[in-house]
Amino acid sequence: MDFQNEMYRPAPPNKLAVASMITGIAAIPVTFVVPLYLPLILGSISITLAFLSKGYNKKLHANALTGVITSLSSIFLNVVVVGISFYLVFCVPEYREMFNDACEQLYGETFDEMIEGELP
């Protein structure tokens, strides 16, 4: 009877898998607060930790699999958020005007003026 109980005992938590899960989950809200670089960094760290936690096993630990899924979803969300932002700024005149106003308040000249000054 003791042998059967040990057979169905779940695997002990793997620290790298838990770290992968935590960084993967943390990457999702970071996508909306600081898009572009930080979610890509956290997502890639999470995926790396997940596959390092695998070791010589054939399967990923459940926490590592959660980390991979959440980090891949945060990277996908990051691409979508950045893509929509670029589309809005460069294709919708109202957002371009708001972006120009924000640049003028921050830098003293509009975004359009900055681009015209850089081009030969």
C-alpha atoms as a PDB file:
ATOM      1  CA  MET A   1       0.000   0.000   0.000  1.00  0.00           C
ATOM      2  CA  ASP A   2       2.869   2.377   0.739  1.00  0.00           C
ATOM      3  CA  PHE A   3       4.261   1.829  -2.733  1.00  0.00           C
ATOM      4  CA  GLN A   4       0.994   2.951  -4.357  1.00  0.00           C
ATOM      5  CA  ASN A   5       0.875   6.182  -2.350  1.00  0.00           C
ATOM      6  CA  GLU A   6       4.416   7.036  -3.391  1.00  0.00           C
ATOM      7  CA  MET A   7       3.596   6.300  -6.989  1.00  0.00           C
ATOM      8  CA  TYR A   8       0.886   8.974  -7.162  1.00  0.00           C
ATOM      9  CA  ARG A   9       2.733  11.592  -5.149  1.00  0.00           C
ATOM     10  CA  PRO A  10       3.198  14.803  -7.181  1.00  0.00           C
ATOM     11  CA  ALA A  11       6.704  15.853  -8.091  1.00  0.00           C
ATOM     12  CA  PRO A  12       8.373  18.253  -5.676  1.00  0.00           C
ATOM     13  CA  PRO A  13       8.411  21.875  -6.833  1.00  0.00           C
ATOM     14  CA  ASN A  14      11.365  22.780  -8.989  1.00  0.00           C
ATOM     15  CA  LYS A  15      12.818  26.192  -8.084  1.00  0.00           C
ATOM     16  CA  LEU A  16      13.685  27.074 -11.687  1.00  0.00           C
ATOM     17  CA  ALA A  17      10.174  26.110 -12.776  1.00  0.00           C
ATOM     18  CA  VAL A  18       8.653  28.299 -10.078  1.00  0.00           C
ATOM     19  CA  ALA A  19      10.921  31.187 -11.100  1.00  0.00           C
ATOM     20  CA  SER A  20       9.860  30.660 -14.709  1.00  0.00           C
ATOM     21  CA  MET A  21       6.215  30.784 -13.720  1.00  0.00           C
ATOM     22  CA  ILE A  22       6.667  33.951 -11.662  1.00  0.00           C
ATOM     23  CA  THR A  23       8.552  35.832 -14.380  1.00  0.00           C
ATOM     24  CA  GLY A  24       6.066  34.670 -17.014  1.00  0.00           C
ATOM     25  CA  ILE A  25       3.110  35.878 -14.971  1.00  0.00           C
ATOM     26  CA  ALA A  26       4.898  39.158 -14.188  1.00  0.00           C
ATOM     27  CA  ALA A  27       5.526  39.777 -17.892  1.00  0.00           C
ATOM     28  CA  ILE A  28       1.809  40.069 -18.695  1.00  0.00           C
ATOM     29  CA  PRO A  29       0.979  43.229 -16.683  1.00  0.00           C
ATOM     30  CA  VAL A  30       4.369  44.708 -17.556  1.00  0.00           C
ATOM     31  CA  THR A  31       3.292  44.515 -21.215  1.00  0.00           C
ATOM     32  CA  PHE A  32       0.685  47.197 -20.587  1.00  0.00           C
ATOM     33  CA  VAL A  33       2.797  49.377 -18.274  1.00  0.00           C
ATOM     34  CA  VAL A  34       6.214  49.333 -19.980  1.00  0.00           C
ATOM     35  CA  PRO A  35       5.757  47.904 -23.481  1.00  0.00           C
ATOM     36  CA  LEU A  36       8.481  46.927 -25.937  1.00  0.00           C
ATOM     37  CA  TYR A  37      11.660  45.906 -24.077  1.00  0.00           C
ATOM     38  CA  LEU A  38      10.816  44.712 -20.573  1.00  0.00           C
ATOM     39  CA  PRO A  39       8.157  42.126 -21.565  1.00  0.00           C
ATOM     40  CA  LEU A  40      10.533  40.676 -24.148  1.00  0.00           C
ATOM     41  CA  ILE A  41      13.288  40.411 -21.549  1.00  0.00           C
ATOM     42  CA  LEU A  42      11.038  38.866 -18.886  1.00  0.00           C
ATOM     43  CA  GLY A  43       9.457  36.497 -21.407  1.00  0.00           C
ATOM     44  CA  SER A  44      12.781  35.261 -22.711  1.00  0.00           C
ATOM     45  CA  ILE A  45      14.110  34.788 -19.172  1.00  0.00           C
ATOM     46  CA  SER A  46      10.976  32.828 -18.285  1.00  0.00           C
ATOM     47  CA  ILE A  47      11.310  30.534 -21.311  1.00  0.00           C
ATOM     48  CA  THR A  48      15.005  29.991 -20.608  1.00  0.00           C
ATOM     49  CA  LEU A  49      14.339  29.130 -16.956  1.00  0.00           C
ATOM     50  CA  ALA A  50      11.571  26.743 -17.970  1.00  0.00           C
ATOM     51  CA  PHE A  51      13.803  24.743 -20.266  1.00  0.00           C
ATOM     52  CA  LEU A  52      16.676  24.813 -17.783  1.00  0.00           C
ATOM     53  CA  SER A  53      14.339  23.409 -15.134  1.00  0.00           C
ATOM     54  CA  LYS A  54      13.608  20.444 -17.377  1.00  0.00           C
ATOM     55  CA  GLY A  55      17.044  18.943 -16.803  1.00  0.00           C
ATOM     56  CA  TYR A  56      17.186  15.362 -18.080  1.00  0.00           C
ATOM     57  CA  ASN A  57      13.434  14.811 -17.775  1.00  0.00           C
ATOM     58  CA  LYS A  58      11.360  14.329 -20.879  1.00  0.00           C
ATOM     59  CA  LYS A  59       8.475  16.522 -19.736  1.00  0.00           C
ATOM     60  CA  LEU A  60       8.330  20.045 -18.389  1.00  0.00           C
ATOM     61  CA  HIS A  61       7.147  20.596 -14.834  1.00  0.00           C
ATOM     62  CA  ALA A  62       3.645  22.115 -14.601  1.00  0.00           C
ATOM     63  CA  ASN A  63       5.035  25.390 -13.264  1.00  0.00           C
ATOM     64  CA  ALA A  64       7.540  25.572 -16.119  1.00  0.00           C
ATOM     65  CA  LEU A  65       4.797  24.924 -18.646  1.00  0.00           C
ATOM     66  CA  THR A  66       2.758  27.726 -17.070  1.00  0.00           C
ATOM     67  CA  GLY A  67       5.786  30.009 -17.357  1.00  0.00           C
ATOM     68  CA  VAL A  68       6.252  29.184 -21.039  1.00  0.00           C
ATOM     69  CA  ILE A  69       2.578  29.727 -21.849  1.00  0.00           C
ATOM     70  CA  THR A  70       2.324  33.032 -19.967  1.00  0.00           C
ATOM     71  CA  SER A  71       5.590  34.367 -21.375  1.00  0.00           C
ATOM     72  CA  LEU A  72       4.625  33.477 -24.951  1.00  0.00           C
ATOM     73  CA  SER A  73       1.263  35.163 -24.439  1.00  0.00           C
ATOM     74  CA  SER A  74       2.952  38.272 -23.010  1.00  0.00           C
ATOM     75  CA  ILE A  75       5.320  38.433 -25.996  1.00  0.00           C
ATOM     76  CA  PHE A  76       2.342  38.110 -28.355  1.00  0.00           C
ATOM     77  CA  LEU A  77       0.441  40.807 -26.417  1.00  0.00           C
ATOM     78  CA  ASN A  78       3.522  43.022 -26.549  1.00  0.00           C
ATOM     79  CA  VAL A  79       3.718  42.731 -30.327  1.00  0.00           C
ATOM     80  CA  VAL A  80       0.000  43.519 -30.618  1.00  0.00           C
ATOM     81  CA  VAL A  81       0.160  46.546 -28.275  1.00  0.00           C
ATOM     82  CA  VAL A  82       3.229  48.017 -29.987  1.00  0.00           C
ATOM     83  CA  GLY A  83       1.758  47.343 -33.440  1.00  0.00           C
ATOM     84  CA  ILE A  84      -1.521  49.050 -32.574  1.00  0.00           C
ATOM     85  CA  SER A  85       0.378  52.000 -31.093  1.00  0.00           C
ATOM     86  CA  PHE A  86       2.443  52.453 -34.252  1.00  0.00           C
ATOM     87  CA  TYR A  87      -0.665  52.151 -36.400  1.00  0.00           C
ATOM     88  CA  LEU A  88      -2.535  54.763 -34.356  1.00  0.00           C
ATOM     89  CA  VAL A  89       0.330  57.260 -34.352  1.00  0.00           C
ATOM     90  CA  PHE A  90       1.217  56.947 -38.019  1.00  0.00           C
ATOM     91  CA  CYS A  91      -2.202  56.332 -39.638  1.00  0.00           C
ATOM     92  CA  VAL A  92      -4.857  58.102 -37.527  1.00  0.00           C
ATOM     93  CA  PRO A  93      -4.600  61.932 -37.677  1.00  0.00           C
ATOM     94  CA  GLU A  94      -6.170  62.543 -34.238  1.00  0.00           C
ATOM     95  CA  TYR A  95      -3.608  60.348 -32.496  1.00  0.00           C
ATOM     96  CA  ARG A  96      -0.784  61.852 -34.556  1.00  0.00           C
ATOM     97  CA  GLU A  97      -1.858  65.304 -33.363  1.00  0.00           C
ATOM     98  CA  MET A  98      -1.987  64.139 -29.741  1.00  0.00           C
ATOM     99  CA  PHE A  99       1.484  62.594 -30.148  1.00  0.00           C
ATOM    100  CA  ASN A 100       2.781  65.842 -31.673  1.00  0.00           C
ATOM    101  CA  ASP A 101       1.367  67.817 -28.726  1.00  0.00           C
ATOM    102  CA  ALA A 102       2.993  65.460 -26.220  1.00  0.00           C
ATOM    103  CA  CYS A 103       6.358  65.697 -28.030  1.00  0.00           C
ATOM    104  CA  GLU A 104       6.116  69.474 -28.111  1.00  0.00           C
ATOM    105  CA  GLN A 105       5.452  69.615 -24.369  1.00  0.00           C
ATOM    106  CA  LEU A 106       8.358  67.275 -23.625  1.00  0.00           C
ATOM    107  CA  TYR A 107      10.979  68.329 -26.177  1.00  0.00           C
ATOM    108  CA  GLY A 108       9.932  71.778 -27.386  1.00  0.00           C
ATOM    109  CA  GLU A 109       9.195  70.650 -30.952  1.00  0.00           C
ATOM    110  CA  THR A 110       6.678  68.349 -32.555  1.00  0.00           C
ATOM    111  CA  PHE A 111       7.416  64.863 -33.796  1.00  0.00           C
ATOM    112  CA  ASP A 112       6.895  66.006 -37.385  1.00  0.00           C
ATOM    113  CA  GLU A 113       9.485  68.770 -36.893  1.00  0.00           C
ATOM    114  CA  MET A 114      11.923  66.267 -35.430  1.00  0.00           C
ATOM    115  CA  ILE A 115      11.539  63.985 -38.435  1.00  0.00           C
ATOM    116  CA  GLU A 116      11.887  66.858 -40.931  1.00  0.00           C
ATOM    117  CA  GLY A 117      15.041  68.066 -39.174  1.00  0.00           C
ATOM    118  CA  GLU A 118      16.647  64.608 -39.390  1.00  0.00           C
ATOM    119  CA  LEU A 119      15.950  63.935 -43.058  1.00  0.00           C
ATOM    120  CA  PRO A 120      18.394  65.428 -45.611  1.00  0.00           C
END
